[in-house]
Amino acid sequence: MSYLDNLAPGEVILHRSRRTWFIFADTVAFAILAILFAFCVYSFNFFAAQSYTIRTIIALSPFLIALILLFNDVINYYSLDLAVTNKRILVKTGLMGQSVLDIQLSLITNTKVDIAMLGMMFNYGTLTILTATGEYRYTKLDDPQKIKSVIVSLQ
């Protein structure tokens, strides 16, 4: 059970979102390039003057980098959870140590959505929530236009 499921009486979640699956795209592309690199190292005898161990290390080092990038992407994907209720916006950040931001709808002065070309194609973008106390920016959110429309309809 998430913190975002503990709501006040009469409060209902209208929309829930997290980061887009597209954050894994660059890591997948890098992993494909790592496979091609390893194939080239062994098939075309690149680094043939080197020992087998050194060739293996050279061929597998991009895989290690891809695993580190994948671990980072998984943490980024699961470390943000955003919920819009009929009274407030709740944003949970963090995986092990969690921080929850509670923004009352009456305190929101403006919302802004930035969507790049790839974001239009794969339905993700950046949501910026402006309040009197500050600016809260959340990148690579799934369907930020829907989140904004829900927030605007409640104000």
C-alpha atoms as a PDB file:
ATOM      1  CA  MET A   1       0.000   0.000   0.000  1.00  0.00           C
ATOM      2  CA  SER A   2       1.419   3.340  -1.063  1.00  0.00           C
ATOM      3  CA  TYR A   3       1.304   6.584   0.871  1.00  0.00           C
ATOM      4  CA  LEU A   4      -0.765   7.971  -1.970  1.00  0.00           C
ATOM      5  CA  ASP A   5      -3.533   5.510  -1.110  1.00  0.00           C
ATOM      6  CA  ASN A   6      -3.946   7.040   2.403  1.00  0.00           C
ATOM      7  CA  LEU A   7      -6.416   9.801   1.634  1.00  0.00           C
ATOM      8  CA  ALA A   8      -8.578  12.072   3.740  1.00  0.00           C
ATOM      9  CA  PRO A   9     -12.293  11.258   4.053  1.00  0.00           C
ATOM     10  CA  GLY A  10     -14.147  12.307   0.920  1.00  0.00           C
ATOM     11  CA  GLU A  11     -10.946  12.544  -1.104  1.00  0.00           C
ATOM     12  CA  VAL A  12     -10.800  10.594  -4.371  1.00  0.00           C
ATOM     13  CA  ILE A  13      -7.888   9.993  -6.746  1.00  0.00           C
ATOM     14  CA  LEU A  14      -8.876  11.372 -10.156  1.00  0.00           C
ATOM     15  CA  HIS A  15      -5.631  10.666 -11.998  1.00  0.00           C
ATOM     16  CA  ARG A  16      -2.439   8.815 -11.188  1.00  0.00           C
ATOM     17  CA  SER A  17       0.779   8.938 -13.170  1.00  0.00           C
ATOM     18  CA  ARG A  18       4.437   8.019 -13.114  1.00  0.00           C
ATOM     19  CA  ARG A  19       7.389   8.365 -15.437  1.00  0.00           C
ATOM     20  CA  THR A  20       7.007   7.067 -18.969  1.00  0.00           C
ATOM     21  CA  TRP A  21       8.352   3.717 -20.129  1.00  0.00           C
ATOM     22  CA  PHE A  22      10.296   5.668 -22.765  1.00  0.00           C
ATOM     23  CA  ILE A  23      13.064   6.423 -20.244  1.00  0.00           C
ATOM     24  CA  PHE A  24      14.356   2.918 -21.032  1.00  0.00           C
ATOM     25  CA  ALA A  25      14.748   3.664 -24.773  1.00  0.00           C
ATOM     26  CA  ASP A  26      18.269   5.071 -24.630  1.00  0.00           C
ATOM     27  CA  THR A  27      19.491   2.153 -22.512  1.00  0.00           C
ATOM     28  CA  VAL A  28      17.948  -0.375 -24.905  1.00  0.00           C
ATOM     29  CA  ALA A  29      19.606   1.386 -27.843  1.00  0.00           C
ATOM     30  CA  PHE A  30      22.945   1.335 -26.013  1.00  0.00           C
ATOM     31  CA  ALA A  31      22.523  -2.389 -25.234  1.00  0.00           C
ATOM     32  CA  ILE A  32      21.893  -3.112 -28.930  1.00  0.00           C
ATOM     33  CA  LEU A  33      25.057  -1.205 -29.817  1.00  0.00           C
ATOM     34  CA  ALA A  34      26.933  -3.189 -27.157  1.00  0.00           C
ATOM     35  CA  ILE A  35      25.770  -6.441 -28.765  1.00  0.00           C
ATOM     36  CA  LEU A  36      26.930  -5.224 -32.174  1.00  0.00           C
ATOM     37  CA  PHE A  37      30.268  -4.153 -30.700  1.00  0.00           C
ATOM     38  CA  ALA A  38      30.808  -7.560 -29.068  1.00  0.00           C
ATOM     39  CA  PHE A  39      29.858  -9.275 -32.333  1.00  0.00           C
ATOM     40  CA  CYS A  40      32.394  -7.150 -34.235  1.00  0.00           C
ATOM     41  CA  VAL A  41      35.138  -7.797 -31.694  1.00  0.00           C
ATOM     42  CA  TYR A  42      34.798 -11.568 -32.057  1.00  0.00           C
ATOM     43  CA  SER A  43      33.679 -11.924 -35.672  1.00  0.00           C
ATOM     44  CA  PHE A  44      36.129  -9.610 -37.374  1.00  0.00           C
ATOM     45  CA  ASN A  45      39.020 -10.356 -35.030  1.00  0.00           C
ATOM     46  CA  PHE A  46      39.318  -6.809 -33.792  1.00  0.00           C
ATOM     47  CA  PHE A  47      41.972  -6.664 -31.094  1.00  0.00           C
ATOM     48  CA  ALA A  48      43.325  -9.992 -32.427  1.00  0.00           C
ATOM     49  CA  ALA A  49      46.805  -9.172 -31.145  1.00  0.00           C
ATOM     50  CA  GLN A  50      45.409  -9.028 -27.613  1.00  0.00           C
ATOM     51  CA  SER A  51      44.865 -12.055 -25.434  1.00  0.00           C
ATOM     52  CA  TYR A  52      41.452 -13.717 -25.219  1.00  0.00           C
ATOM     53  CA  THR A  53      40.890 -12.271 -21.716  1.00  0.00           C
ATOM     54  CA  ILE A  54      41.533  -8.705 -22.829  1.00  0.00           C
ATOM     55  CA  ARG A  55      39.261  -9.166 -25.861  1.00  0.00           C
ATOM     56  CA  THR A  56      36.522 -10.470 -23.568  1.00  0.00           C
ATOM     57  CA  ILE A  57      36.901  -7.510 -21.223  1.00  0.00           C
ATOM     58  CA  ILE A  58      36.793  -5.100 -24.165  1.00  0.00           C
ATOM     59  CA  ALA A  59      33.721  -6.817 -25.599  1.00  0.00           C
ATOM     60  CA  LEU A  60      31.804  -7.066 -22.317  1.00  0.00           C
ATOM     61  CA  SER A  61      32.564  -3.634 -20.851  1.00  0.00           C
ATOM     62  CA  PRO A  62      29.698  -1.967 -22.800  1.00  0.00           C
ATOM     63  CA  PHE A  63      27.354  -4.578 -21.258  1.00  0.00           C
ATOM     64  CA  LEU A  64      28.455  -3.513 -17.792  1.00  0.00           C
ATOM     65  CA  ILE A  65      27.757   0.101 -18.684  1.00  0.00           C
ATOM     66  CA  ALA A  66      24.342  -0.909 -20.083  1.00  0.00           C
ATOM     67  CA  LEU A  67      23.514  -2.732 -16.826  1.00  0.00           C
ATOM     68  CA  ILE A  68      24.447   0.321 -14.782  1.00  0.00           C
ATOM     69  CA  LEU A  69      22.301   2.518 -17.032  1.00  0.00           C
ATOM     70  CA  LEU A  70      19.403   0.054 -16.764  1.00  0.00           C
ATOM     71  CA  PHE A  71      19.665   0.060 -12.962  1.00  0.00           C
ATOM     72  CA  ASN A  72      19.578   3.868 -12.999  1.00  0.00           C
ATOM     73  CA  ASP A  73      16.528   3.876 -15.313  1.00  0.00           C
ATOM     74  CA  VAL A  74      14.644   1.395 -13.116  1.00  0.00           C
ATOM     75  CA  ILE A  75      15.296   3.566 -10.064  1.00  0.00           C
ATOM     76  CA  ASN A  76      14.114   6.671 -11.952  1.00  0.00           C
ATOM     77  CA  TYR A  77      10.993   4.871 -13.187  1.00  0.00           C
ATOM     78  CA  TYR A  78       9.889   3.644  -9.760  1.00  0.00           C
ATOM     79  CA  SER A  79      10.984   6.694  -7.760  1.00  0.00           C
ATOM     80  CA  LEU A  80       8.176   9.038  -8.849  1.00  0.00           C
ATOM     81  CA  ASP A  81       4.464   8.608  -8.294  1.00  0.00           C
ATOM     82  CA  LEU A  82       2.023  11.473  -8.848  1.00  0.00           C
ATOM     83  CA  ALA A  83      -1.651  11.514  -7.902  1.00  0.00           C
ATOM     84  CA  VAL A  84      -4.241  14.227  -8.496  1.00  0.00           C
ATOM     85  CA  THR A  85      -7.159  14.095  -6.089  1.00  0.00           C
ATOM     86  CA  ASN A  86     -10.229  16.282  -5.852  1.00  0.00           C
ATOM     87  CA  LYS A  87      -8.485  18.354  -3.115  1.00  0.00           C
ATOM     88  CA  ARG A  88      -4.717  18.266  -3.752  1.00  0.00           C
ATOM     89  CA  ILE A  89      -1.789  16.922  -5.715  1.00  0.00           C
ATOM     90  CA  LEU A  90       0.426  14.330  -4.060  1.00  0.00           C
ATOM     91  CA  VAL A  91       3.897  13.614  -5.425  1.00  0.00           C
ATOM     92  CA  LYS A  92       5.974  10.810  -3.939  1.00  0.00           C
ATOM     93  CA  THR A  93       9.655  10.836  -4.829  1.00  0.00           C
ATOM     94  CA  GLY A  94      12.343   8.412  -3.771  1.00  0.00           C
ATOM     95  CA  LEU A  95      12.670   4.674  -3.621  1.00  0.00           C
ATOM     96  CA  MET A  96      14.222   3.757  -0.273  1.00  0.00           C
ATOM     97  CA  GLY A  97      13.885   7.090   1.491  1.00  0.00           C
ATOM     98  CA  GLN A  98      10.647   8.646   0.332  1.00  0.00           C
ATOM     99  CA  SER A  99       9.557  12.253   0.279  1.00  0.00           C
ATOM    100  CA  VAL A 100       5.947  13.267  -0.295  1.00  0.00           C
ATOM    101  CA  LEU A 101       4.967  16.695  -1.570  1.00  0.00           C
ATOM    102  CA  ASP A 102       1.407  17.818  -0.880  1.00  0.00           C
ATOM    103  CA  ILE A 103       0.172  20.727  -3.009  1.00  0.00           C
ATOM    104  CA  GLN A 104      -3.297  22.052  -2.257  1.00  0.00           C
ATOM    105  CA  LEU A 105      -5.214  22.856  -5.454  1.00  0.00           C
ATOM    106  CA  SER A 106      -6.078  26.335  -4.154  1.00  0.00           C
ATOM    107  CA  LEU A 107      -2.339  27.204  -3.961  1.00  0.00           C
ATOM    108  CA  ILE A 108      -1.590  26.391  -7.614  1.00  0.00           C
ATOM    109  CA  THR A 109      -1.185  29.549  -9.689  1.00  0.00           C
ATOM    110  CA  ASN A 110      -0.301  27.940 -13.023  1.00  0.00           C
ATOM    111  CA  THR A 111       0.610  24.675 -14.695  1.00  0.00           C
ATOM    112  CA  LYS A 112       2.844  24.314 -17.716  1.00  0.00           C
ATOM    113  CA  VAL A 113       3.420  21.346 -20.010  1.00  0.00           C
ATOM    114  CA  ASP A 114       6.477  21.025 -22.260  1.00  0.00           C
ATOM    115  CA  ILE A 115       6.394  18.277 -24.868  1.00  0.00           C
ATOM    116  CA  ALA A 116       9.186  17.692 -27.387  1.00  0.00           C
ATOM    117  CA  MET A 117       8.737  15.965 -30.742  1.00  0.00           C
ATOM    118  CA  LEU A 118       9.482  12.487 -29.350  1.00  0.00           C
ATOM    119  CA  GLY A 119       7.184  13.297 -26.444  1.00  0.00           C
ATOM    120  CA  MET A 120       4.344  13.942 -28.866  1.00  0.00           C
ATOM    121  CA  MET A 121       4.969  10.633 -30.579  1.00  0.00           C
ATOM    122  CA  PHE A 122       5.250   8.599 -27.358  1.00  0.00           C
ATOM    123  CA  ASN A 123       2.950  10.696 -25.125  1.00  0.00           C
ATOM    124  CA  TYR A 124       5.343  11.984 -22.474  1.00  0.00           C
ATOM    125  CA  GLY A 125       6.692  15.344 -21.392  1.00  0.00           C
ATOM    126  CA  THR A 126       7.484  17.728 -18.553  1.00  0.00           C
ATOM    127  CA  LEU A 127       4.919  19.104 -16.123  1.00  0.00           C
ATOM    128  CA  THR A 128       5.707  22.277 -14.193  1.00  0.00           C
ATOM    129  CA  ILE A 129       3.438  23.266 -11.303  1.00  0.00           C
ATOM    130  CA  LEU A 130       3.740  26.892 -10.195  1.00  0.00           C
ATOM    131  CA  THR A 131       2.631  27.920  -6.718  1.00  0.00           C
ATOM    132  CA  ALA A 132       3.145  31.044  -4.646  1.00  0.00           C
ATOM    133  CA  THR A 133       5.969  29.271  -2.789  1.00  0.00           C
ATOM    134  CA  GLY A 134       7.861  27.795  -5.718  1.00  0.00           C
ATOM    135  CA  GLU A 135       8.076  25.851  -8.932  1.00  0.00           C
ATOM    136  CA  TYR A 136       7.845  22.053  -9.066  1.00  0.00           C
ATOM    137  CA  ARG A 137       9.101  20.423 -12.259  1.00  0.00           C
ATOM    138  CA  TYR A 138       8.605  16.755 -13.137  1.00  0.00           C
ATOM    139  CA  THR A 139      10.277  15.433 -16.278  1.00  0.00           C
ATOM    140  CA  LYS A 140       9.426  12.489 -18.510  1.00  0.00           C
ATOM    141  CA  LEU A 141       5.932  12.048 -17.089  1.00  0.00           C
ATOM    142  CA  ASP A 142       3.456   9.815 -18.834  1.00  0.00           C
ATOM    143  CA  ASP A 143       0.643  11.896 -20.432  1.00  0.00           C
ATOM    144  CA  PRO A 144       1.348  15.304 -18.824  1.00  0.00           C
ATOM    145  CA  GLN A 145      -1.413  16.975 -20.855  1.00  0.00           C
ATOM    146  CA  LYS A 146      -4.008  14.746 -19.158  1.00  0.00           C
ATOM    147  CA  ILE A 147      -2.598  15.658 -15.724  1.00  0.00           C
ATOM    148  CA  LYS A 148      -2.822  19.360 -16.573  1.00  0.00           C
ATOM    149  CA  SER A 149      -6.386  19.055 -17.851  1.00  0.00           C
ATOM    150  CA  VAL A 150      -7.448  17.312 -14.626  1.00  0.00           C
ATOM    151  CA  ILE A 151      -5.791  20.036 -12.518  1.00  0.00           C
ATOM    152  CA  VAL A 152      -7.346  22.853 -14.577  1.00  0.00           C
ATOM    153  CA  SER A 153     -10.807  21.281 -14.401  1.00  0.00           C
ATOM    154  CA  LEU A 154     -10.597  21.266 -10.585  1.00  0.00           C
ATOM    155  CA  GLN A 155      -9.625  24.928 -10.209  1.00  0.00           C
END
